[in-house]
Protein backbone atom coordinates (compact mmCIF):
# COMPACT_ATOMS: atom_id res chain seq x y z
CA UNK A 1 100.08 112.95 90.59
CA UNK A 2 97.60 114.32 88.07
CA UNK A 3 95.96 116.57 90.63
CA UNK A 4 99.40 118.04 91.29
CA UNK A 5 100.04 118.42 87.57
CA UNK A 6 96.68 120.28 87.20
CA UNK A 7 97.37 122.46 90.18
CA UNK A 8 100.83 123.49 88.79
CA UNK A 9 99.29 124.28 85.33
CA UNK A 10 96.80 126.61 87.03
CA UNK A 11 99.40 128.34 89.19
CA UNK A 12 101.79 128.74 86.20
CA UNK A 13 98.93 130.39 84.33
CA UNK A 14 98.35 132.92 87.09
CA UNK A 15 102.12 133.36 87.49
CA UNK A 16 102.46 134.34 83.86
CA UNK A 17 100.36 137.38 84.64
CA UNK A 18 102.15 138.07 87.95
CA UNK A 19 105.71 136.99 87.38
CA UNK A 20 107.10 138.73 90.48
CA UNK A 21 104.64 137.42 92.96
CA UNK A 22 106.73 135.69 95.74
CA UNK A 23 103.84 133.53 97.05
CA UNK A 24 103.25 132.11 93.48
CA UNK A 25 106.81 131.30 93.08
CA UNK A 26 106.80 129.38 96.30
CA UNK A 27 103.58 127.59 95.20
CA UNK A 28 105.17 126.56 91.78
CA UNK A 29 108.19 125.16 93.59
CA UNK A 30 105.93 123.32 96.20
CA UNK A 31 103.92 121.71 93.40
CA UNK A 32 107.11 120.66 91.62
CA UNK A 33 108.27 119.00 94.79
CA UNK A 34 105.09 117.17 95.29
CA UNK A 35 105.00 116.07 91.51
CA UNK A 36 108.67 114.88 91.93
CA UNK A 37 107.90 112.97 95.04
CA UNK A 38 104.83 111.35 93.44
CA UNK A 39 106.98 110.45 90.52
CA UNK A 40 109.55 108.95 92.79
CA UNK A 41 106.94 106.73 94.41
CA UNK A 42 105.88 105.61 90.98
CA UNK A 43 109.41 104.56 90.02
CA UNK A 44 109.91 107.32 87.35
CA UNK A 45 113.25 108.37 88.82
CA UNK A 46 114.63 110.50 85.96
CA UNK A 47 111.34 112.52 85.78
CA UNK A 48 111.31 112.83 89.55
CA UNK A 49 114.80 114.21 89.59
CA UNK A 50 114.00 116.87 86.94
CA UNK A 51 111.05 118.21 88.87
CA UNK A 52 112.88 118.10 92.29
CA UNK A 53 116.00 119.87 91.01
CA UNK A 54 113.74 122.64 89.74
CA UNK A 55 112.03 122.85 93.12
CA UNK A 56 115.37 122.96 95.00
CA UNK A 57 116.69 125.72 92.76
CA UNK A 58 113.50 127.79 93.05
CA UNK A 59 113.23 127.35 96.98
CA UNK A 60 116.97 128.20 97.16
CA UNK A 61 116.54 131.36 95.12
CA UNK A 62 113.61 132.36 97.40
CA UNK A 63 115.62 131.68 100.40
CA UNK A 64 118.53 133.78 99.11
CA UNK A 65 116.05 136.69 98.54
CA UNK A 66 114.56 136.39 102.01
CA UNK A 67 117.22 134.85 104.14
CA UNK A 68 115.41 135.51 107.40
CA UNK A 69 112.33 133.51 106.32
CA UNK A 70 112.63 130.24 108.29
CA UNK A 71 109.63 128.71 106.52
CA UNK A 72 111.35 128.99 103.11
CA UNK A 73 114.57 127.40 104.67
CA UNK A 74 112.17 124.57 105.55
CA UNK A 75 111.04 124.37 102.01
CA UNK A 76 114.57 124.24 100.97
CA UNK A 77 115.35 121.33 103.25
CA UNK A 78 112.21 119.41 102.34
CA UNK A 79 112.89 119.54 98.50
CA UNK A 80 116.60 118.80 99.03
CA UNK A 81 115.85 115.66 100.99
CA UNK A 82 113.39 114.50 98.42
CA UNK A 83 116.07 115.09 95.77
CA UNK A 84 118.58 113.19 97.81
CA UNK A 85 116.30 110.26 98.02
CA UNK A 86 115.96 110.15 94.31
CA UNK A 87 119.73 110.47 93.81
CA UNK A 88 120.17 107.58 96.21
CA UNK A 89 117.92 105.32 94.30
CA UNK A 90 119.70 106.25 91.13
CA UNK A 91 122.94 105.02 92.76
CA UNK A 92 124.65 108.36 93.61
CA UNK A 93 125.22 107.81 97.26
CA UNK A 94 127.84 110.65 97.37
CA UNK A 95 125.42 113.33 96.13
CA UNK A 96 122.63 111.91 98.16
CA UNK A 97 124.84 112.06 101.37
CA UNK A 98 126.02 115.63 100.66
CA UNK A 99 122.48 116.91 99.97
CA UNK A 100 120.84 115.19 102.94
CA UNK A 101 123.60 116.45 105.32
CA UNK A 102 122.86 119.99 104.16
CA UNK A 103 119.17 119.64 104.49
CA UNK A 104 119.43 118.15 108.12
CA UNK A 105 121.71 121.02 109.02
CA UNK A 106 119.03 123.54 107.81
CA UNK A 107 116.33 121.68 109.81
CA UNK A 108 118.44 121.42 112.98
CA UNK A 109 118.97 125.27 112.83
CA UNK A 110 115.38 126.26 112.45
CA UNK A 111 113.85 128.35 115.30
CA UNK A 112 112.45 126.35 118.11
CA UNK A 113 108.80 127.02 117.22
CA UNK A 114 109.22 125.79 113.71
CA UNK A 115 111.36 122.77 114.98
CA UNK A 116 108.12 121.69 116.74
CA UNK A 117 105.98 122.15 113.59
CA UNK A 118 104.43 118.84 112.24
CA UNK A 119 106.07 119.38 108.82
CA UNK A 120 109.43 119.60 110.41
CA UNK A 121 108.67 116.55 112.48
CA UNK A 122 107.85 114.70 109.28
CA UNK A 123 110.76 116.03 107.30
CA UNK A 124 113.69 115.60 109.89
CA UNK A 125 113.52 111.79 110.22
CA UNK A 126 113.40 111.54 106.48
CA UNK A 127 116.56 113.45 106.24
CA UNK A 128 118.52 111.43 108.79
CA UNK A 129 117.26 108.16 107.14
CA UNK A 130 118.23 109.22 103.68
CA UNK A 131 121.71 110.47 105.11
CA UNK A 132 122.23 107.34 107.03
CA UNK A 133 121.36 105.07 104.07
CA UNK A 134 123.52 107.08 101.74
CA UNK A 135 126.53 106.83 104.06
CA UNK A 136 126.12 102.92 104.14
CA UNK A 137 126.26 102.93 100.27
CA UNK A 138 129.50 105.03 99.90
CA UNK A 139 132.22 102.79 98.24
CA UNK A 140 134.90 104.54 100.34
CA UNK A 141 132.93 103.84 103.60
CA UNK A 142 135.22 103.28 106.64
CA UNK A 143 134.57 102.46 110.29
CA UNK A 144 133.98 106.13 111.21
CA UNK A 145 131.37 106.53 108.37
CA UNK A 146 129.70 103.26 109.38
CA UNK A 147 129.32 104.59 112.91
CA UNK A 148 127.95 107.85 111.56
CA UNK A 149 125.45 106.02 109.44
CA UNK A 150 124.24 103.88 112.32
CA UNK A 151 123.88 107.02 114.41
CA UNK A 152 121.72 108.83 111.77
CA UNK A 153 119.52 105.71 111.29
CA UNK A 154 119.12 105.35 115.03
CA UNK A 155 118.02 108.93 115.22
CA UNK A 156 115.49 108.48 112.42
CA UNK A 157 114.21 105.34 114.14
CA UNK A 158 113.90 107.15 117.41
CA UNK A 159 111.93 110.01 115.83
CA UNK A 160 109.60 107.49 114.21
CA UNK A 161 109.06 105.74 117.42
CA UNK A 162 108.14 109.07 118.99
CA UNK A 163 105.50 109.56 116.30
CA UNK A 164 104.21 106.04 116.66
CA UNK A 165 104.31 105.68 120.43
CA UNK A 166 105.75 108.82 122.18
CA UNK A 167 104.94 112.48 122.50
CA UNK A 168 103.85 112.91 118.93
CA UNK A 169 101.60 109.90 118.94
CA UNK A 170 98.48 112.07 119.27
CA UNK A 171 99.28 113.76 115.94
CA UNK A 172 97.22 111.54 113.63
CA UNK A 173 98.52 113.29 110.58
CA UNK A 174 101.95 112.33 111.27
CA UNK A 175 101.05 108.77 112.26
CA UNK A 176 99.16 108.24 109.11
CA UNK A 177 101.88 109.76 106.98
CA UNK A 178 104.40 107.20 108.16
CA UNK A 179 102.29 104.23 109.24
CA UNK A 180 99.05 104.49 107.30
CA UNK A 181 95.59 104.03 108.89
CA UNK A 182 96.45 103.11 112.48
CA UNK A 183 93.02 101.47 112.96
CA UNK A 184 92.17 103.52 115.94
CA UNK A 185 89.20 105.20 114.28
CA UNK A 186 90.74 108.63 114.83
CA UNK A 187 92.95 108.97 111.74
CA UNK A 188 92.41 112.28 109.92
CA UNK A 189 92.63 112.28 106.15
CA UNK A 190 95.89 113.78 104.65
CA UNK A 191 95.43 116.62 102.25
CA UNK A 192 96.92 116.57 98.75
CA UNK A 193 99.41 119.32 99.92
CA UNK A 194 101.16 116.61 102.03
CA UNK A 195 102.09 114.78 98.85
CA UNK A 196 100.39 111.44 99.65
CA UNK A 197 96.90 110.09 99.70
CA UNK A 198 94.49 109.18 96.90
CA UNK A 199 95.24 112.43 94.96
CA UNK A 200 99.01 111.98 95.01
């Protein structure tokens, strides 16, 4: 968490001198997303929500200014799912469900090349999982919503099984992200940019 905060401070310092730099704006939003996710894992939900809302707004503005950039749409989806997870833990299943559904729609509409990217493969099961959990917590849940929730949770489970045992099993970065050190001696360290690990 502190490494992300130091990184954000450095980027903000540079951005103050180059306020219109698009890459710096994206970096600032990404650092805020990482900080928000780290705060969420630490149980600091209000602070996490504050950082993640800033990340979602910033990524959204960048996407609006460059709508053909699929990588920025992936950024939007990632930060939106992270915010949805926090809102769910704060008890707002309705907002969590709505946000997760928007994020999943963005991910499912990405170009095929980016759909196969490891970051998308990491983010999509998170989206379906948060969406499914949120639907199960809606006070007005009916049979149709229950079936939809089960479908989303099964999709998330299937994607995770693919990472653990299927076509993505050779991607040690993905395996460690979800399952920790697999004990096979071939697990690669996860960078701080991934938002996990010792520096998170």
